[in-house]
Amino acid sequence: MRTTRLLFAAIAATLAMSAPVHAGRSCQEVKPDAATVQKALQLALRTREALDASGAPVGLVGRVGRDLSKNGLRYSHMAIAHRDHPKGRWFLTHMLNECGTGASSLYDEGLGNFFLDDVFVFEALIVIPTPDLQARLLAVMATPLPLNLHQKSYSLIAHPFSTRHQNSNQWVLEQIAAALAPAGAVASRADAQRLLRERGYAPGAISIGPFERIGARLFAANVYFNDHSNDEMQAGRYQAVTVESVIRFVEQMQTLGTRQIVRLP
């Protein structure tokens, strides 16, 4: 136990962890055990080392928060990492669903907190855009656009080309769209989605069977179907912004610099 305490203290100091936030986390009030905390902090430290080694001022970080393998997906959630964030080195800005509700907010978090948030597998995806997109993303994040492109109504399967709801990865994608656009061309979510259509963004898909859909309607406050077509409902496959589809788009735009996976044994 003494070893765990020392490791926690050393890494927490190194990572400059923010105060914990509870939005977007499991609604169960379960304290993580020492082994989970240790792994989360180890992954955070290795991720920070990889980000430092990249020399980039900004990057994208994905985590495995749930098992999405039945949809052919690995990563569930993505954030924008800032090297010189006003709150500390390598803070992440991302959108989180408020526990047990259909609402969301934007948060800045340290890497330690990010990997303590309902992690299914201790693995991180680090994507460093090209220098041009890095500069453009930083310029966007220094304006009111991140707030303007945030929709408080959250849906896990929010339609990529609807402004009614939004999921966490969609918020990141729309920041990227704003960064790719000429200055001033994107002032709203509708503008960002128009650019994504024009540039050929291809959404991912989430499978939800009819019984799962009924259960979601009855019991889940963060899954909406009213922005999807009847064809999607009949097929049980819903277009959504996934981490993988964000990466494909960045690659398609020839703005992907490097991609790295950090995984604990």
Protein backbone atom coordinates (compact mmCIF):
# COMPACT_ATOMS: atom_id res chain seq x y z
CA MET A 1 0.00 0.00 0.00
CA ARG A 2 2.90 2.34 0.80
CA THR A 3 4.31 1.72 -2.71
CA THR A 4 0.97 2.57 -4.29
CA ARG A 5 0.70 5.79 -2.29
CA LEU A 6 4.19 6.85 -3.33
CA LEU A 7 3.51 6.05 -6.98
CA PHE A 8 0.20 7.93 -6.89
CA ALA A 9 1.82 11.00 -5.31
CA ALA A 10 4.76 11.04 -7.70
CA ILE A 11 2.73 10.64 -10.89
CA ALA A 12 -0.06 12.97 -9.78
CA ALA A 13 2.48 15.71 -9.18
CA THR A 14 4.09 15.06 -12.56
CA LEU A 15 0.78 15.11 -14.41
CA ALA A 16 -0.62 18.21 -12.66
CA MET A 17 -3.99 16.51 -12.28
CA SER A 18 -7.05 18.69 -12.10
CA ALA A 19 -9.68 18.34 -9.39
CA PRO A 20 -11.91 15.35 -10.21
CA VAL A 21 -15.08 15.94 -12.18
CA HIS A 22 -17.96 13.51 -12.07
CA ALA A 23 -19.71 14.39 -15.31
CA GLY A 24 -19.63 11.65 -17.88
CA ARG A 25 -18.57 9.01 -15.39
CA SER A 26 -20.46 5.97 -14.25
CA CYS A 27 -23.48 6.81 -12.13
CA GLN A 28 -22.41 4.17 -9.65
CA GLU A 29 -20.58 5.66 -6.68
CA VAL A 30 -17.78 3.09 -6.67
CA LYS A 31 -14.32 4.04 -5.50
CA PRO A 32 -11.59 2.77 -7.84
CA ASP A 33 -9.28 0.28 -6.17
CA ALA A 34 -5.55 0.87 -5.79
CA ALA A 35 -4.66 -1.28 -8.82
CA THR A 36 -7.05 0.67 -11.07
CA VAL A 37 -5.69 4.01 -9.89
CA GLN A 38 -2.12 2.82 -10.40
CA LYS A 39 -2.85 1.65 -13.95
CA ALA A 40 -4.70 4.86 -14.84
CA LEU A 41 -1.78 6.97 -13.66
CA GLN A 42 0.77 4.79 -15.42
CA LEU A 43 -1.16 5.14 -18.67
CA ALA A 44 -1.46 8.88 -18.10
CA LEU A 45 2.30 9.19 -17.56
CA ARG A 46 3.14 7.16 -20.67
CA THR A 47 0.66 9.20 -22.71
CA ARG A 48 2.23 12.42 -21.47
CA GLU A 49 5.69 11.14 -22.38
CA ALA A 50 4.49 10.29 -25.90
CA LEU A 51 2.86 13.71 -26.29
CA ASP A 52 6.03 15.44 -25.08
CA ALA A 53 8.15 13.38 -27.47
CA SER A 54 5.97 14.47 -30.41
CA GLY A 55 7.02 18.11 -29.95
CA ALA A 56 3.49 19.16 -30.94
CA PRO A 57 1.51 21.87 -29.11
CA VAL A 58 -1.79 20.06 -29.63
CA GLY A 59 -3.01 16.54 -30.36
CA LEU A 60 -5.99 14.19 -30.17
CA VAL A 61 -6.27 11.49 -27.50
CA GLY A 62 -8.71 8.58 -27.58
CA ARG A 63 -9.57 6.06 -24.87
CA VAL A 64 -11.37 2.70 -24.65
CA GLY A 65 -14.25 3.51 -22.32
CA ARG A 66 -16.57 0.65 -23.27
CA ASP A 67 -16.59 -2.51 -25.33
CA LEU A 68 -17.66 -1.52 -28.85
CA SER A 69 -16.21 -4.56 -30.59
CA LYS A 70 -19.61 -5.71 -31.91
CA ASN A 71 -19.62 -2.51 -33.98
CA GLY A 72 -16.07 -3.06 -35.19
CA LEU A 73 -14.87 -0.14 -33.06
CA ARG A 74 -12.06 0.12 -30.54
CA TYR A 75 -12.13 3.64 -29.09
CA SER A 76 -15.18 5.23 -27.50
CA HIS A 77 -14.14 8.77 -26.62
CA MET A 78 -11.81 11.48 -27.90
CA ALA A 79 -10.42 14.73 -26.47
CA ILE A 80 -8.21 17.57 -27.68
CA ALA A 81 -4.91 17.73 -25.76
CA HIS A 82 -3.17 21.09 -25.21
CA ARG A 83 0.50 21.13 -24.28
CA ASP A 84 0.47 24.65 -22.79
CA HIS A 85 -3.09 24.85 -21.50
CA PRO A 86 -3.74 27.75 -19.08
CA LYS A 87 -4.62 25.18 -16.38
CA GLY A 88 -1.44 23.14 -16.78
CA ARG A 89 0.71 21.12 -19.13
CA TRP A 90 -1.14 18.63 -21.34
CA PHE A 91 -4.71 19.26 -20.26
CA LEU A 92 -7.52 17.73 -22.29
CA THR A 93 -10.61 19.61 -23.45
CA HIS A 94 -13.61 17.41 -24.16
CA MET A 95 -17.37 17.11 -23.95
CA LEU A 96 -18.90 14.90 -21.26
CA ASN A 97 -22.42 13.65 -20.71
CA GLU A 98 -23.81 14.62 -17.31
CA CYS A 99 -24.45 11.44 -15.35
CA GLY A 100 -28.00 10.14 -15.69
CA THR A 101 -29.19 13.00 -17.91
CA GLY A 102 -29.47 13.98 -21.55
CA ALA A 103 -27.24 17.03 -21.05
CA SER A 104 -23.54 17.68 -21.56
CA SER A 105 -20.84 20.21 -20.69
CA LEU A 106 -17.29 20.98 -21.78
CA TYR A 107 -14.44 20.17 -19.38
CA ASP A 108 -10.70 20.63 -19.06
CA GLU A 109 -9.08 17.64 -17.35
CA GLY A 110 -5.64 16.36 -16.51
CA LEU A 111 -4.51 13.10 -18.08
CA GLY A 112 -4.86 11.24 -14.77
CA ASN A 113 -8.56 12.03 -14.47
CA PHE A 114 -9.12 11.23 -18.15
CA PHE A 115 -7.96 7.63 -17.71
CA LEU A 116 -9.84 7.10 -14.44
CA ASP A 117 -13.13 7.70 -16.24
CA ASP A 118 -14.80 4.30 -16.83
CA VAL A 119 -11.86 2.82 -18.75
CA PHE A 120 -12.61 -0.60 -20.25
CA VAL A 121 -9.04 -1.25 -21.48
CA PHE A 122 -5.96 0.69 -20.38
CA GLU A 123 -5.00 1.89 -23.83
CA ALA A 124 -4.64 5.33 -25.42
CA LEU A 125 -4.68 6.41 -29.04
CA ILE A 126 -2.55 9.49 -29.70
CA VAL A 127 -3.00 11.31 -33.00
CA ILE A 128 -0.75 14.23 -33.90
CA PRO A 129 -2.08 16.30 -36.82
CA THR A 130 0.15 17.99 -39.36
CA PRO A 131 1.73 21.29 -38.21
CA ASP A 132 -0.76 23.28 -40.29
CA LEU A 133 -3.79 21.65 -38.66
CA GLN A 134 -2.15 21.98 -35.23
CA ALA A 135 -1.85 25.75 -35.73
CA ARG A 136 -5.41 26.01 -37.02
CA LEU A 137 -6.81 23.98 -34.10
CA LEU A 138 -5.01 26.18 -31.59
CA ALA A 139 -6.43 29.27 -33.30
CA VAL A 140 -9.97 27.84 -33.13
CA MET A 141 -9.60 26.85 -29.46
CA ALA A 142 -8.55 30.41 -28.61
CA THR A 143 -11.91 31.79 -29.85
CA PRO A 144 -15.54 31.40 -28.66
CA LEU A 145 -16.06 28.67 -31.31
CA PRO A 146 -15.62 25.69 -28.95
CA LEU A 147 -18.56 26.99 -26.92
CA ASN A 148 -20.55 28.00 -30.00
CA LEU A 149 -20.11 24.52 -31.48
CA HIS A 150 -21.31 22.81 -28.30
CA GLN A 151 -24.88 21.47 -28.11
CA LYS A 152 -25.99 20.81 -24.55
CA SER A 153 -28.48 18.11 -25.62
CA TYR A 154 -26.43 14.91 -25.59
CA SER A 155 -27.10 11.68 -27.44
CA LEU A 156 -24.69 8.75 -27.61
CA ILE A 157 -25.78 8.14 -31.22
CA ALA A 158 -26.32 11.78 -32.28
CA HIS A 159 -26.69 12.01 -36.05
CA PRO A 160 -23.56 13.50 -37.65
CA PHE A 161 -25.53 15.88 -39.86
CA SER A 162 -28.15 17.07 -37.38
CA THR A 163 -27.80 19.90 -34.87
CA ARG A 164 -30.55 18.55 -32.57
CA HIS A 165 -28.16 16.54 -30.37
CA GLN A 166 -24.40 16.00 -30.12
CA ASN A 167 -22.04 13.32 -28.88
CA SER A 168 -18.54 13.84 -27.50
CA ASN A 169 -16.66 12.79 -30.63
CA GLN A 170 -18.91 14.97 -32.77
CA TRP A 171 -17.84 18.03 -30.79
CA VAL A 172 -14.17 17.22 -31.53
CA LEU A 173 -14.93 16.62 -35.21
CA GLU A 174 -16.73 19.96 -35.53
CA GLN A 175 -13.70 21.75 -34.04
CA ILE A 176 -11.59 20.08 -36.73
CA ALA A 177 -14.08 21.20 -39.39
CA ALA A 178 -13.80 24.78 -38.14
CA ALA A 179 -10.01 24.51 -38.23
CA LEU A 180 -10.06 23.28 -41.85
CA ALA A 181 -12.38 26.06 -43.02
CA PRO A 182 -11.26 29.50 -44.20
CA ALA A 183 -11.23 32.04 -41.36
CA GLY A 184 -14.78 33.06 -40.42
CA ALA A 185 -16.46 30.42 -42.62
CA VAL A 186 -17.66 28.36 -39.65
CA ALA A 187 -19.68 30.18 -37.01
CA SER A 188 -22.24 27.49 -36.12
CA ARG A 189 -22.73 23.73 -36.02
CA ALA A 190 -24.69 23.94 -39.27
CA ASP A 191 -21.68 25.59 -40.92
CA ALA A 192 -19.33 22.89 -39.60
CA GLN A 193 -21.62 20.09 -40.79
CA ARG A 194 -21.96 21.69 -44.22
CA LEU A 195 -18.18 21.67 -44.56
CA LEU A 196 -18.01 18.04 -43.41
CA ARG A 197 -20.52 17.04 -46.10
CA GLU A 198 -18.62 18.98 -48.75
CA ARG A 199 -15.31 17.38 -47.75
CA GLY A 200 -16.79 13.88 -47.83
CA TYR A 201 -16.82 12.98 -44.14
CA ALA A 202 -18.06 9.38 -43.75
CA PRO A 203 -19.76 8.62 -40.40
CA GLY A 204 -19.36 5.47 -38.39
CA ALA A 205 -22.32 3.28 -37.44
CA ILE A 206 -23.66 1.91 -34.17
CA SER A 207 -25.85 -1.21 -34.12
CA ILE A 208 -28.86 -1.14 -31.79
CA GLY A 209 -31.43 -3.91 -32.13
CA PRO A 210 -35.17 -3.33 -31.68
CA PHE A 211 -35.26 -4.60 -28.09
CA GLU A 212 -32.18 -2.55 -27.18
CA ARG A 213 -33.85 0.47 -28.75
CA ILE A 214 -37.01 0.00 -26.66
CA GLY A 215 -34.88 -0.35 -23.54
CA ALA A 216 -32.91 2.78 -24.41
CA ARG A 217 -36.11 4.76 -24.92
CA LEU A 218 -37.45 3.64 -21.56
CA PHE A 219 -34.37 3.75 -19.37
CA ALA A 220 -31.53 5.76 -20.95
CA ALA A 221 -31.60 9.53 -20.71
CA ASN A 222 -28.66 9.94 -23.09
CA VAL A 223 -29.81 8.05 -26.19
CA TYR A 224 -32.19 9.71 -28.67
CA PHE A 225 -33.50 8.35 -31.95
CA ASN A 226 -35.46 11.39 -33.15
CA ASP A 227 -32.64 12.69 -35.36
CA HIS A 228 -32.35 9.42 -37.31
CA SER A 229 -34.24 8.17 -40.35
CA ASN A 230 -36.78 5.37 -40.53
CA ASP A 231 -34.35 3.45 -42.73
CA GLU A 232 -31.76 3.51 -39.94
CA MET A 233 -34.33 2.32 -37.42
CA GLN A 234 -35.45 -0.54 -39.65
CA ALA A 235 -31.84 -1.62 -40.23
CA GLY A 236 -30.91 -1.18 -36.58
CA ARG A 237 -27.72 0.70 -37.61
CA TYR A 238 -27.40 4.37 -36.73
CA GLN A 239 -24.94 6.84 -38.23
CA ALA A 240 -22.80 8.45 -35.54
CA VAL A 241 -19.47 10.17 -35.11
CA THR A 242 -16.97 7.60 -33.85
CA VAL A 243 -13.32 8.04 -32.94
CA GLU A 244 -12.34 5.88 -35.93
CA SER A 245 -14.39 8.02 -38.33
CA VAL A 246 -12.72 11.19 -37.00
CA ILE A 247 -9.29 9.67 -37.65
CA ARG A 248 -10.30 8.55 -41.15
CA PHE A 249 -11.45 12.09 -41.95
CA VAL A 250 -8.23 13.68 -40.67
CA GLU A 251 -6.28 11.18 -42.79
CA GLN A 252 -8.52 11.80 -45.81
CA MET A 253 -7.81 15.54 -45.53
CA GLN A 254 -4.07 14.72 -45.55
CA THR A 255 -3.73 16.39 -42.16
CA LEU A 256 -2.71 13.32 -40.14
CA GLY A 257 0.89 13.52 -38.96
CA THR A 258 1.51 10.54 -36.68
CA ARG A 259 -0.60 7.96 -34.89
CA GLN A 260 0.55 6.00 -31.84
CA ILE A 261 -1.02 3.50 -29.44
CA VAL A 262 0.04 3.43 -25.79
CA ARG A 263 -1.06 0.24 -24.05
CA LEU A 264 -0.43 -1.24 -20.64
CA PRO A 265 0.41 -4.98 -20.49
